[in-house]
């Protein structure tokens, strides 16, 4: 799988509204990937997969290896499914009362 494939998937998912699985902040996939993950959660997209919170990492310069690209693309697909914000009216208080974030859901799906 090529890096071009990864960027095509990122582009097609860019405007999808999500909630950050770590802090529950609303944003788009593009914002999460380009800024939020690194600035707020110290995840480095060049050395680790930001979509599974760094469960998969690699040495500098190895992100473009086909097996790593394939992992990130598949992880991005799962991330979009789990983190998608389909209920824009739901506020943070409702989420707290329901007891949850999506962080554990994403980590659980990575192990499948």
PDB file of N, CA and C in Angstrom:
ATOM      1  N   UNK A   1       0.858  -1.173   0.000  1.00  0.00           N
ATOM      2  CA  UNK A   1       0.000   0.000   0.000  1.00  0.00           C
ATOM      3  C   UNK A   1       0.902   1.234   0.000  1.00  0.00           C
ATOM      4  N   UNK A   2       0.531   2.238  -0.760  1.00  0.00           N
ATOM      5  CA  UNK A   2       1.385   3.413  -0.921  1.00  0.00           C
ATOM      6  C   UNK A   2       0.961   4.566  -0.012  1.00  0.00           C
ATOM      7  N   UNK A   3       1.881   5.493   0.163  1.00  0.00           N
ATOM      8  CA  UNK A   3       1.604   6.702   0.939  1.00  0.00           C
ATOM      9  C   UNK A   3       0.496   7.503   0.269  1.00  0.00           C
ATOM     10  N   UNK A   4       0.459   7.460  -1.057  1.00  0.00           N
ATOM     11  CA  UNK A   4      -0.598   8.166  -1.783  1.00  0.00           C
ATOM     12  C   UNK A   4      -1.979   7.653  -1.352  1.00  0.00           C
ATOM     13  N   UNK A   5      -2.089   6.353  -1.151  1.00  0.00           N
ATOM     14  CA  UNK A   5      -3.345   5.764  -0.688  1.00  0.00           C
ATOM     15  C   UNK A   5      -3.734   6.329   0.671  1.00  0.00           C
ATOM     16  N   UNK A   6      -2.755   6.440   1.565  1.00  0.00           N
ATOM     17  CA  UNK A   6      -3.016   7.015   2.884  1.00  0.00           C
ATOM     18  C   UNK A   6      -3.550   8.434   2.752  1.00  0.00           C
ATOM     19  N   UNK A   7      -2.880   9.251   1.961  1.00  0.00           N
ATOM     20  CA  UNK A   7      -3.312  10.639   1.825  1.00  0.00           C
ATOM     21  C   UNK A   7      -4.659  10.756   1.112  1.00  0.00           C
ATOM     22  N   UNK A   8      -4.970   9.835   0.222  1.00  0.00           N
ATOM     23  CA  UNK A   8      -6.307   9.822  -0.393  1.00  0.00           C
ATOM     24  C   UNK A   8      -7.384   9.525   0.655  1.00  0.00           C
ATOM     25  N   UNK A   9      -7.100   8.581   1.540  1.00  0.00           N
ATOM     26  CA  UNK A   9      -8.053   8.276   2.619  1.00  0.00           C
ATOM     27  C   UNK A   9      -8.189   9.458   3.576  1.00  0.00           C
ATOM     28  N   UNK A  10      -7.071  10.089   3.902  1.00  0.00           N
ATOM     29  CA  UNK A  10      -7.132  11.270   4.774  1.00  0.00           C
ATOM     30  C   UNK A  10      -7.954  12.377   4.127  1.00  0.00           C
ATOM     31  N   UNK A  11      -7.742  12.586   2.842  1.00  0.00           N
ATOM     32  CA  UNK A  11      -8.476  13.636   2.133  1.00  0.00           C
ATOM     33  C   UNK A  11      -9.974  13.335   2.104  1.00  0.00           C
ATOM     34  N   UNK A  12     -10.327  12.092   1.837  1.00  0.00           N
ATOM     35  CA  UNK A  12     -11.753  11.755   1.755  1.00  0.00           C
ATOM     36  C   UNK A  12     -12.434  11.782   3.128  1.00  0.00           C
ATOM     37  N   UNK A  13     -11.664  11.662   4.195  1.00  0.00           N
ATOM     38  CA  UNK A  13     -12.215  11.689   5.555  1.00  0.00           C
ATOM     39  C   UNK A  13     -12.062  13.043   6.234  1.00  0.00           C
ATOM     40  N   UNK A  14     -11.398  13.971   5.590  1.00  0.00           N
ATOM     41  CA  UNK A  14     -10.978  15.225   6.223  1.00  0.00           C
ATOM     42  C   UNK A  14     -12.087  15.989   6.926  1.00  0.00           C
ATOM     43  N   UNK A  15     -13.255  16.082   6.331  1.00  0.00           N
ATOM     44  CA  UNK A  15     -14.330  16.916   6.880  1.00  0.00           C
ATOM     45  C   UNK A  15     -15.322  16.160   7.761  1.00  0.00           C
ATOM     46  N   UNK A  16     -15.047  14.925   8.054  1.00  0.00           N
ATOM     47  CA  UNK A  16     -15.950  14.150   8.911  1.00  0.00           C
ATOM     48  C   UNK A  16     -15.836  14.663  10.346  1.00  0.00           C
ATOM     49  N   UNK A  17     -16.967  15.004  10.961  1.00  0.00           N
ATOM     50  CA  UNK A  17     -16.916  15.474  12.350  1.00  0.00           C
ATOM     51  C   UNK A  17     -16.688  14.306  13.311  1.00  0.00           C
ATOM     52  N   UNK A  18     -15.771  14.516  14.240  1.00  0.00           N
ATOM     53  CA  UNK A  18     -15.456  13.494  15.242  1.00  0.00           C
ATOM     54  C   UNK A  18     -15.364  14.144  16.615  1.00  0.00           C
ATOM     55  N   UNK A  19     -15.262  13.299  17.604  1.00  0.00           N
ATOM     56  CA  UNK A  19     -14.872  13.728  18.948  1.00  0.00           C
ATOM     57  C   UNK A  19     -13.542  13.047  19.226  1.00  0.00           C
ATOM     58  N   UNK A  20     -12.602  13.818  19.722  1.00  0.00           N
ATOM     59  CA  UNK A  20     -11.314  13.237  20.079  1.00  0.00           C
ATOM     60  C   UNK A  20     -11.552  12.125  21.100  1.00  0.00           C
ATOM     61  N   UNK A  21     -11.028  10.932  20.858  1.00  0.00           N
ATOM     62  CA  UNK A  21     -11.252   9.827  21.787  1.00  0.00           C
ATOM     63  C   UNK A  21     -10.527   9.996  23.120  1.00  0.00           C
ATOM     64  N   UNK A  22      -9.622  10.942  23.190  1.00  0.00           N
ATOM     65  CA  UNK A  22      -8.865  11.162  24.421  1.00  0.00           C
ATOM     66  C   UNK A  22      -9.519  12.233  25.289  1.00  0.00           C
ATOM     67  N   UNK A  23      -9.907  13.365  24.672  1.00  0.00           N
ATOM     68  CA  UNK A  23     -10.440  14.488  25.459  1.00  0.00           C
ATOM     69  C   UNK A  23     -11.881  14.850  25.106  1.00  0.00           C
ATOM     70  N   UNK A  24     -12.465  14.207  24.134  1.00  0.00           N
ATOM     71  CA  UNK A  24     -13.858  14.408  23.695  1.00  0.00           C
ATOM     72  C   UNK A  24     -14.126  15.746  23.018  1.00  0.00           C
ATOM     73  N   UNK A  25     -13.095  16.484  22.663  1.00  0.00           N
ATOM     74  CA  UNK A  25     -13.292  17.753  21.956  1.00  0.00           C
ATOM     75  C   UNK A  25     -13.787  17.475  20.539  1.00  0.00           C
ATOM     76  N   UNK A  26     -14.711  18.301  20.078  1.00  0.00           N
ATOM     77  CA  UNK A  26     -15.242  18.160  18.713  1.00  0.00           C
ATOM     78  C   UNK A  26     -14.284  18.793  17.711  1.00  0.00           C
ATOM     79  N   UNK A  27     -14.158  18.126  16.553  1.00  0.00           N
ATOM     80  CA  UNK A  27     -13.284  18.616  15.485  1.00  0.00           C
ATOM     81  C   UNK A  27     -13.503  17.755  14.250  1.00  0.00           C
ATOM     82  N   UNK A  28     -12.747  18.026  13.215  1.00  0.00           N
ATOM     83  CA  UNK A  28     -12.775  17.178  12.024  1.00  0.00           C
ATOM     84  C   UNK A  28     -11.598  16.208  12.070  1.00  0.00           C
ATOM     85  N   UNK A  29     -11.666  15.179  11.249  1.00  0.00           N
ATOM     86  CA  UNK A  29     -10.561  14.230  11.150  1.00  0.00           C
ATOM     87  C   UNK A  29      -9.286  14.965  10.755  1.00  0.00           C
ATOM     88  N   UNK A  30      -9.394  15.889   9.817  1.00  0.00           N
ATOM     89  CA  UNK A  30      -8.236  16.649   9.360  1.00  0.00           C
ATOM     90  C   UNK A  30      -7.575  17.412  10.505  1.00  0.00           C
ATOM     91  N   UNK A  31      -8.372  18.097  11.294  1.00  0.00           N
ATOM     92  CA  UNK A  31      -7.818  18.859  12.414  1.00  0.00           C
ATOM     93  C   UNK A  31      -7.163  17.921  13.431  1.00  0.00           C
ATOM     94  N   UNK A  32      -7.801  16.798  13.709  1.00  0.00           N
ATOM     95  CA  UNK A  32      -7.222  15.836  14.644  1.00  0.00           C
ATOM     96  C   UNK A  32      -5.852  15.382  14.151  1.00  0.00           C
ATOM     97  N   UNK A  33      -5.772  15.003  12.884  1.00  0.00           N
ATOM     98  CA  UNK A  33      -4.528  14.469  12.330  1.00  0.00           C
ATOM     99  C   UNK A  33      -3.440  15.534  12.214  1.00  0.00           C
ATOM    100  N   UNK A  34      -3.800  16.706  11.712  1.00  0.00           N
ATOM    101  CA  UNK A  34      -2.796  17.727  11.423  1.00  0.00           C
ATOM    102  C   UNK A  34      -2.326  18.507  12.645  1.00  0.00           C
ATOM    103  N   UNK A  35      -3.193  18.695  13.644  1.00  0.00           N
ATOM    104  CA  UNK A  35      -2.812  19.558  14.757  1.00  0.00           C
ATOM    105  C   UNK A  35      -3.109  18.969  16.133  1.00  0.00           C
ATOM    106  N   UNK A  36      -4.344  18.575  16.339  1.00  0.00           N
ATOM    107  CA  UNK A  36      -4.802  18.253  17.687  1.00  0.00           C
ATOM    108  C   UNK A  36      -4.005  17.120  18.344  1.00  0.00           C
ATOM    109  N   UNK A  37      -3.808  16.024  17.652  1.00  0.00           N
ATOM    110  CA  UNK A  37      -3.124  14.868  18.244  1.00  0.00           C
ATOM    111  C   UNK A  37      -1.718  15.226  18.716  1.00  0.00           C
ATOM    112  N   UNK A  38      -1.004  16.006  17.923  1.00  0.00           N
ATOM    113  CA  UNK A  38       0.361  16.364  18.318  1.00  0.00           C
ATOM    114  C   UNK A  38       0.393  17.476  19.357  1.00  0.00           C
ATOM    115  N   UNK A  39      -0.428  18.502  19.180  1.00  0.00           N
ATOM    116  CA  UNK A  39      -0.385  19.649  20.080  1.00  0.00           C
ATOM    117  C   UNK A  39      -1.003  19.361  21.444  1.00  0.00           C
ATOM    118  N   UNK A  40      -2.039  18.551  21.483  1.00  0.00           N
ATOM    119  CA  UNK A  40      -2.747  18.323  22.743  1.00  0.00           C
ATOM    120  C   UNK A  40      -2.409  16.996  23.418  1.00  0.00           C
ATOM    121  N   UNK A  41      -1.949  16.029  22.645  1.00  0.00           N
ATOM    122  CA  UNK A  41      -1.735  14.703  23.222  1.00  0.00           C
ATOM    123  C   UNK A  41      -0.348  14.135  22.928  1.00  0.00           C
ATOM    124  N   UNK A  42       0.522  14.953  22.386  1.00  0.00           N
ATOM    125  CA  UNK A  42       1.924  14.587  22.132  1.00  0.00           C
ATOM    126  C   UNK A  42       2.091  13.343  21.264  1.00  0.00           C
ATOM    127  N   UNK A  43       1.178  13.155  20.335  1.00  0.00           N
ATOM    128  CA  UNK A  43       1.294  12.050  19.388  1.00  0.00           C
ATOM    129  C   UNK A  43       1.973  12.568  18.133  1.00  0.00           C
ATOM    130  N   UNK A  44       2.980  11.877  17.668  1.00  0.00           N
ATOM    131  CA  UNK A  44       3.766  12.311  16.513  1.00  0.00           C
ATOM    132  C   UNK A  44       3.476  11.421  15.312  1.00  0.00           C
ATOM    133  N   UNK A  45       2.787  11.999  14.320  1.00  0.00           N
ATOM    134  CA  UNK A  45       2.340  11.188  13.185  1.00  0.00           C
ATOM    135  C   UNK A  45       3.488  10.624  12.353  1.00  0.00           C
ATOM    136  N   UNK A  46       4.684  11.170  12.483  1.00  0.00           N
ATOM    137  CA  UNK A  46       5.805  10.619  11.717  1.00  0.00           C
ATOM    138  C   UNK A  46       6.417   9.393  12.383  1.00  0.00           C
ATOM    139  N   UNK A  47       6.149   9.218  13.674  1.00  0.00           N
ATOM    140  CA  UNK A  47       6.750   8.104  14.397  1.00  0.00           C
ATOM    141  C   UNK A  47       5.747   7.152  15.031  1.00  0.00           C
ATOM    142  N   UNK A  48       4.457   7.497  14.976  1.00  0.00           N
ATOM    143  CA  UNK A  48       3.458   6.613  15.564  1.00  0.00           C
ATOM    144  C   UNK A  48       2.097   6.869  14.932  1.00  0.00           C
ATOM    145  N   UNK A  49       1.236   5.901  15.054  1.00  0.00           N
ATOM    146  CA  UNK A  49      -0.111   6.046  14.510  1.00  0.00           C
ATOM    147  C   UNK A  49      -0.948   6.864  15.485  1.00  0.00           C
ATOM    148  N   UNK A  50      -1.388   8.035  15.058  1.00  0.00           N
ATOM    149  CA  UNK A  50      -2.186   8.895  15.938  1.00  0.00           C
ATOM    150  C   UNK A  50      -3.601   8.361  16.100  1.00  0.00           C
ATOM    151  N   UNK A  51      -4.054   7.527  15.195  1.00  0.00           N
ATOM    152  CA  UNK A  51      -5.433   7.059  15.225  1.00  0.00           C
ATOM    153  C   UNK A  51      -5.680   5.981  16.280  1.00  0.00           C
ATOM    154  N   UNK A  52      -4.644   5.326  16.752  1.00  0.00           N
ATOM    155  CA  UNK A  52      -4.788   4.357  17.855  1.00  0.00           C
ATOM    156  C   UNK A  52      -3.995   4.817  19.068  1.00  0.00           C
ATOM    157  N   UNK A  53      -3.722   6.112  19.121  1.00  0.00           N
ATOM    158  CA  UNK A  53      -3.031   6.731  20.249  1.00  0.00           C
ATOM    159  C   UNK A  53      -1.624   6.180  20.444  1.00  0.00           C
ATOM    160  N   UNK A  54      -0.953   5.858  19.352  1.00  0.00           N
ATOM    161  CA  UNK A  54       0.435   5.430  19.414  1.00  0.00           C
ATOM    162  C   UNK A  54       0.668   3.975  19.750  1.00  0.00           C
ATOM    163  N   UNK A  55      -0.373   3.133  19.678  1.00  0.00           N
ATOM    164  CA  UNK A  55      -0.162   1.706  19.937  1.00  0.00           C
ATOM    165  C   UNK A  55       0.840   1.112  18.952  1.00  0.00           C
ATOM    166  N   UNK A  56       0.870   1.647  17.750  1.00  0.00           N
ATOM    167  CA  UNK A  56       1.840   1.215  16.733  1.00  0.00           C
ATOM    168  C   UNK A  56       2.804   2.368  16.500  1.00  0.00           C
ATOM    169  N   UNK A  57       4.089   2.075  16.576  1.00  0.00           N
ATOM    170  CA  UNK A  57       5.094   3.108  16.316  1.00  0.00           C
ATOM    171  C   UNK A  57       6.211   2.505  15.472  1.00  0.00           C
ATOM    172  N   UNK A  58       7.058   3.372  14.957  1.00  0.00           N
ATOM    173  CA  UNK A  58       8.143   2.947  14.085  1.00  0.00           C
ATOM    174  C   UNK A  58       9.273   3.945  14.199  1.00  0.00           C
ATOM    175  N   UNK A  59      10.438   3.574  13.717  1.00  0.00           N
ATOM    176  CA  UNK A  59      11.600   4.460  13.726  1.00  0.00           C
ATOM    177  C   UNK A  59      11.386   5.588  12.724  1.00  0.00           C
ATOM    178  N   UNK A  60      12.062   6.702  12.963  1.00  0.00           N
ATOM    179  CA  UNK A  60      11.937   7.850  12.063  1.00  0.00           C
ATOM    180  C   UNK A  60      12.252   7.415  10.629  1.00  0.00           C
ATOM    181  N   UNK A  61      11.394   7.812   9.713  1.00  0.00           N
ATOM    182  CA  UNK A  61      11.597   7.497   8.306  1.00  0.00           C
ATOM    183  C   UNK A  61      10.966   6.191   7.842  1.00  0.00           C
ATOM    184  N   UNK A  62      10.424   5.406   8.760  1.00  0.00           N
ATOM    185  CA  UNK A  62       9.830   4.122   8.378  1.00  0.00           C
ATOM    186  C   UNK A  62       8.322   4.179   8.175  1.00  0.00           C
ATOM    187  N   UNK A  63       7.726   5.348   8.346  1.00  0.00           N
ATOM    188  CA  UNK A  63       6.277   5.469   8.173  1.00  0.00           C
ATOM    189  C   UNK A  63       5.851   5.065   6.765  1.00  0.00           C
ATOM    190  N   UNK A  64       6.695   5.311   5.779  1.00  0.00           N
ATOM    191  CA  UNK A  64       6.343   5.059   4.384  1.00  0.00           C
ATOM    192  C   UNK A  64       6.502   3.600   3.960  1.00  0.00           C
ATOM    193  N   UNK A  65       6.953   2.744   4.856  1.00  0.00           N
ATOM    194  CA  UNK A  65       7.030   1.324   4.515  1.00  0.00           C
ATOM    195  C   UNK A  65       5.614   0.800   4.288  1.00  0.00           C
ATOM    196  N   UNK A  66       5.417  -0.037   3.277  1.00  0.00           N
ATOM    197  CA  UNK A  66       4.067  -0.510   2.940  1.00  0.00           C
ATOM    198  C   UNK A  66       3.290  -1.104   4.111  1.00  0.00           C
ATOM    199  N   UNK A  67       3.953  -1.872   4.976  1.00  0.00           N
ATOM    200  CA  UNK A  67       3.224  -2.471   6.100  1.00  0.00           C
ATOM    201  C   UNK A  67       2.769  -1.411   7.104  1.00  0.00           C
ATOM    202  N   UNK A  68       3.568  -0.365   7.312  1.00  0.00           N
ATOM    203  CA  UNK A  68       3.164   0.717   8.218  1.00  0.00           C
ATOM    204  C   UNK A  68       2.055   1.567   7.609  1.00  0.00           C
ATOM    205  N   UNK A  69       2.148   1.838   6.320  1.00  0.00           N
ATOM    206  CA  UNK A  69       1.102   2.613   5.639  1.00  0.00           C
ATOM    207  C   UNK A  69      -0.218   1.848   5.700  1.00  0.00           C
ATOM    208  N   UNK A  70      -0.157   0.555   5.437  1.00  0.00           N
ATOM    209  CA  UNK A  70      -1.372  -0.261   5.487  1.00  0.00           C
ATOM    210  C   UNK A  70      -1.991  -0.211   6.883  1.00  0.00           C
ATOM    211  N   UNK A  71      -1.159  -0.305   7.905  1.00  0.00           N
ATOM    212  CA  UNK A  71      -1.663  -0.240   9.279  1.00  0.00           C
ATOM    213  C   UNK A  71      -2.375   1.088   9.533  1.00  0.00           C
ATOM    214  N   UNK A  72      -1.753   2.200   9.145  1.00  0.00           N
ATOM    215  CA  UNK A  72      -2.336   3.522   9.403  1.00  0.00           C
ATOM    216  C   UNK A  72      -3.650   3.690   8.635  1.00  0.00           C
ATOM    217  N   UNK A  73      -3.713   3.228   7.402  1.00  0.00           N
ATOM    218  CA  UNK A  73      -4.950   3.336   6.616  1.00  0.00           C
ATOM    219  C   UNK A  73      -6.072   2.551   7.294  1.00  0.00           C
ATOM    220  N   UNK A  74      -5.799   1.319   7.690  1.00  0.00           N
ATOM    221  CA  UNK A  74      -6.823   0.509   8.355  1.00  0.00           C
ATOM    222  C   UNK A  74      -7.220   1.120   9.698  1.00  0.00           C
ATOM    223  N   UNK A  75      -6.256   1.647  10.399  1.00  0.00           N
ATOM    224  CA  UNK A  75      -6.527   2.284  11.686  1.00  0.00           C
ATOM    225  C   UNK A  75      -7.370   3.549  11.491  1.00  0.00           C
ATOM    226  N   UNK A  76      -7.074   4.325  10.465  1.00  0.00           N
ATOM    227  CA  UNK A  76      -7.866   5.515  10.141  1.00  0.00           C
ATOM    228  C   UNK A  76      -9.321   5.127   9.887  1.00  0.00           C
ATOM    229  N   UNK A  77      -9.535   4.072   9.137  1.00  0.00           N
ATOM    230  CA  UNK A  77     -10.906   3.625   8.845  1.00  0.00           C
ATOM    231  C   UNK A  77     -11.651   3.277  10.130  1.00  0.00           C
ATOM    232  N   UNK A  78     -10.996   2.528  11.032  1.00  0.00           N
ATOM    233  CA  UNK A  78     -11.630   2.175  12.316  1.00  0.00           C
ATOM    234  C   UNK A  78     -11.861   3.418  13.164  1.00  0.00           C
ATOM    235  N   UNK A  79     -10.896   4.319  13.168  1.00  0.00           N
ATOM    236  CA  UNK A  79     -10.987   5.558  13.945  1.00  0.00           C
ATOM    237  C   UNK A  79     -12.212   6.366  13.531  1.00  0.00           C
ATOM    238  N   UNK A  80     -12.425   6.509  12.234  1.00  0.00           N
ATOM    239  CA  UNK A  80     -13.564   7.285  11.735  1.00  0.00           C
ATOM    240  C   UNK A  80     -14.881   6.651  12.189  1.00  0.00           C
ATOM    241  N   UNK A  81     -14.965   5.345  12.164  1.00  0.00           N
ATOM    242  CA  UNK A  81     -16.188   4.664  12.600  1.00  0.00           C
ATOM    243  C   UNK A  81     -16.439   4.894  14.091  1.00  0.00           C
ATOM    244  N   UNK A  82     -15.414   4.734  14.896  1.00  0.00           N
ATOM    245  CA  UNK A  82     -15.570   4.818  16.349  1.00  0.00           C
ATOM    246  C   UNK A  82     -15.694   6.257  16.846  1.00  0.00           C
ATOM    247  N   UNK A  83     -14.915   7.175  16.286  1.00  0.00           N
ATOM    248  CA  UNK A  83     -14.861   8.547  16.806  1.00  0.00           C
ATOM    249  C   UNK A  83     -15.858   9.492  16.146  1.00  0.00           C
ATOM    250  N   UNK A  84     -16.567   9.034  15.126  1.00  0.00           N
ATOM    251  CA  UNK A  84     -17.519   9.904  14.416  1.00  0.00           C
ATOM    252  C   UNK A  84     -18.501  10.525  15.394  1.00  0.00           C
ATOM    253  N   UNK A  85     -18.705  11.828  15.258  1.00  0.00           N
ATOM    254  CA  UNK A  85     -19.636  12.566  16.122  1.00  0.00           C
ATOM    255  C   UNK A  85     -20.955  12.697  15.383  1.00  0.00           C
ATOM    256  N   UNK A  86     -21.847  11.746  15.621  1.00  0.00           N
ATOM    257  CA  UNK A  86     -23.136  11.742  14.934  1.00  0.00           C
ATOM    258  C   UNK A  86     -24.229  12.414  15.737  1.00  0.00           C
ATOM    259  N   UNK A  87     -23.911  12.897  16.909  1.00  0.00           N
ATOM    260  CA  UNK A  87     -24.924  13.529  17.751  1.00  0.00           C
ATOM    261  C   UNK A  87     -24.446  14.912  18.188  1.00  0.00           C
ATOM    262  N   UNK A  88     -24.465  15.879  17.267  1.00  0.00           N
ATOM    263  CA  UNK A  88     -23.935  17.205  17.589  1.00  0.00           C
ATOM    264  C   UNK A  88     -24.656  17.893  18.737  1.00  0.00           C
ATOM    265  N   UNK A  89     -25.856  17.459  19.075  1.00  0.00           N
ATOM    266  CA  UNK A  89     -26.578  18.093  20.176  1.00  0.00           C
ATOM    267  C   UNK A  89     -26.120  17.574  21.533  1.00  0.00           C
ATOM    268  N   UNK A  90     -25.395  16.474  21.555  1.00  0.00           N
ATOM    269  CA  UNK A  90     -24.955  15.916  22.820  1.00  0.00           C
ATOM    270  C   UNK A  90     -23.841  16.777  23.401  1.00  0.00           C
ATOM    271  N   UNK A  91     -24.028  17.235  24.621  1.00  0.00           N
ATOM    272  CA  UNK A  91     -23.009  18.061  25.254  1.00  0.00           C
ATOM    273  C   UNK A  91     -22.109  17.195  26.129  1.00  0.00           C
ATOM    274  N   UNK A  92     -21.060  17.800  26.666  1.00  0.00           N
ATOM    275  CA  UNK A  92     -20.098  17.057  27.466  1.00  0.00           C
ATOM    276  C   UNK A  92     -20.704  16.509  28.757  1.00  0.00           C
ATOM    277  N   UNK A  93     -21.671  17.213  29.346  1.00  0.00           N
ATOM    278  CA  UNK A  93     -22.307  16.728  30.569  1.00  0.00           C
ATOM    279  C   UNK A  93     -23.066  15.430  30.307  1.00  0.00           C
ATOM    280  N   UNK A  94     -23.743  15.353  29.182  1.00  0.00           N
ATOM    281  CA  UNK A  94     -24.452  14.126  28.828  1.00  0.00           C
ATOM    282  C   UNK A  94     -23.464  12.984  28.691  1.00  0.00           C
ATOM    283  N   UNK A  95     -22.348  13.258  28.058  1.00  0.00           N
ATOM    284  CA  UNK A  95     -21.331  12.243  27.853  1.00  0.00           C
ATOM    285  C   UNK A  95     -20.787  11.748  29.196  1.00  0.00           C
ATOM    286  N   UNK A  96     -20.548  12.668  30.135  1.00  0.00           N
ATOM    287  CA  UNK A  96     -20.040  12.280  31.447  1.00  0.00           C
ATOM    288  C   UNK A  96     -21.050  11.407  32.181  1.00  0.00           C
ATOM    289  N   UNK A  97     -22.327  11.761  32.107  1.00  0.00           N
ATOM    290  CA  UNK A  97     -23.359  10.978  32.783  1.00  0.00           C
ATOM    291  C   UNK A  97     -23.453   9.572  32.197  1.00  0.00           C
ATOM    292  N   UNK A  98     -23.226   9.465  30.900  1.00  0.00           N
ATOM    293  CA  UNK A  98     -23.290   8.155  30.251  1.00  0.00           C
ATOM    294  C   UNK A  98     -22.049   7.336  30.568  1.00  0.00           C
ATOM    295  N   UNK A  99     -21.047   7.995  31.116  1.00  0.00           N
ATOM    296  CA  UNK A  99     -19.862   7.278  31.574  1.00  0.00           C
ATOM    297  C   UNK A  99     -18.867   6.943  30.510  1.00  0.00           C
ATOM    298  N   UNK A 100     -18.772   7.785  29.522  1.00  0.00           N
ATOM    299  CA  UNK A 100     -17.773   7.279  28.649  1.00  0.00           C
ATOM    300  C   UNK A 100     -17.209   8.131  27.600  1.00  0.00           C
ATOM    301  N   UNK A 101     -16.075   7.664  27.238  1.00  0.00           N
ATOM    302  CA  UNK A 101     -15.408   8.210  26.097  1.00  0.00           C
ATOM    303  C   UNK A 101     -15.234   7.101  25.102  1.00  0.00           C
ATOM    304  N   UNK A 102     -14.644   7.431  24.023  1.00  0.00           N
ATOM    305  CA  UNK A 102     -14.451   6.445  22.961  1.00  0.00           C
ATOM    306  C   UNK A 102     -13.050   5.874  22.995  1.00  0.00           C
ATOM    307  N   UNK A 103     -12.227   6.344  23.915  1.00  0.00           N
ATOM    308  CA  UNK A 103     -10.845   5.904  23.964  1.00  0.00           C
ATOM    309  C   UNK A 103     -10.759   4.382  24.096  1.00  0.00           C
ATOM    310  N   UNK A 104     -11.482   3.823  25.045  1.00  0.00           N
ATOM    311  CA  UNK A 104     -11.420   2.376  25.229  1.00  0.00           C
ATOM    312  C   UNK A 104     -12.008   1.639  24.033  1.00  0.00           C
ATOM    313  N   UNK A 105     -13.012   2.223  23.372  1.00  0.00           N
ATOM    314  CA  UNK A 105     -13.592   1.599  22.183  1.00  0.00           C
ATOM    315  C   UNK A 105     -12.563   1.495  21.068  1.00  0.00           C
ATOM    316  N   UNK A 106     -11.781   2.544  20.870  1.00  0.00           N
ATOM    317  CA  UNK A 106     -10.773   2.536  19.809  1.00  0.00           C
ATOM    318  C   UNK A 106      -9.683   1.530  20.141  1.00  0.00           C
ATOM    319  N   UNK A 107      -9.198   1.550  21.369  1.00  0.00           N
ATOM    320  CA  UNK A 107      -8.154   0.600  21.748  1.00  0.00           C
ATOM    321  C   UNK A 107      -8.654  -0.841  21.610  1.00  0.00           C
ATOM    322  N   UNK A 108      -9.899  -1.083  22.003  1.00  0.00           N
ATOM    323  CA  UNK A 108     -10.473  -2.419  21.896  1.00  0.00           C
ATOM    324  C   UNK A 108     -10.552  -2.845  20.428  1.00  0.00           C
ATOM    325  N   UNK A 109     -10.936  -1.932  19.544  1.00  0.00           N
ATOM    326  CA  UNK A 109     -11.058  -2.285  18.126  1.00  0.00           C
ATOM    327  C   UNK A 109      -9.697  -2.534  17.487  1.00  0.00           C
ATOM    328  N   UNK A 110      -8.624  -1.953  18.035  1.00  0.00           N
ATOM    329  CA  UNK A 110      -7.287  -2.165  17.486  1.00  0.00           C
ATOM    330  C   UNK A 110      -6.808  -3.587  17.747  1.00  0.00           C
ATOM    331  N   UNK A 111      -7.330  -4.207  18.777  1.00  0.00           N
ATOM    332  CA  UNK A 111      -6.895  -5.558  19.136  1.00  0.00           C
ATOM    333  C   UNK A 111      -7.616  -6.636  18.345  1.00  0.00           C
ATOM    334  N   UNK A 112      -8.623  -6.255  17.589  1.00  0.00           N
ATOM    335  CA  UNK A 112      -9.409  -7.232  16.825  1.00  0.00           C
ATOM    336  C   UNK A 112      -8.668  -7.699  15.610  1.00  0.00           C
TER     337      UNK A 112
END
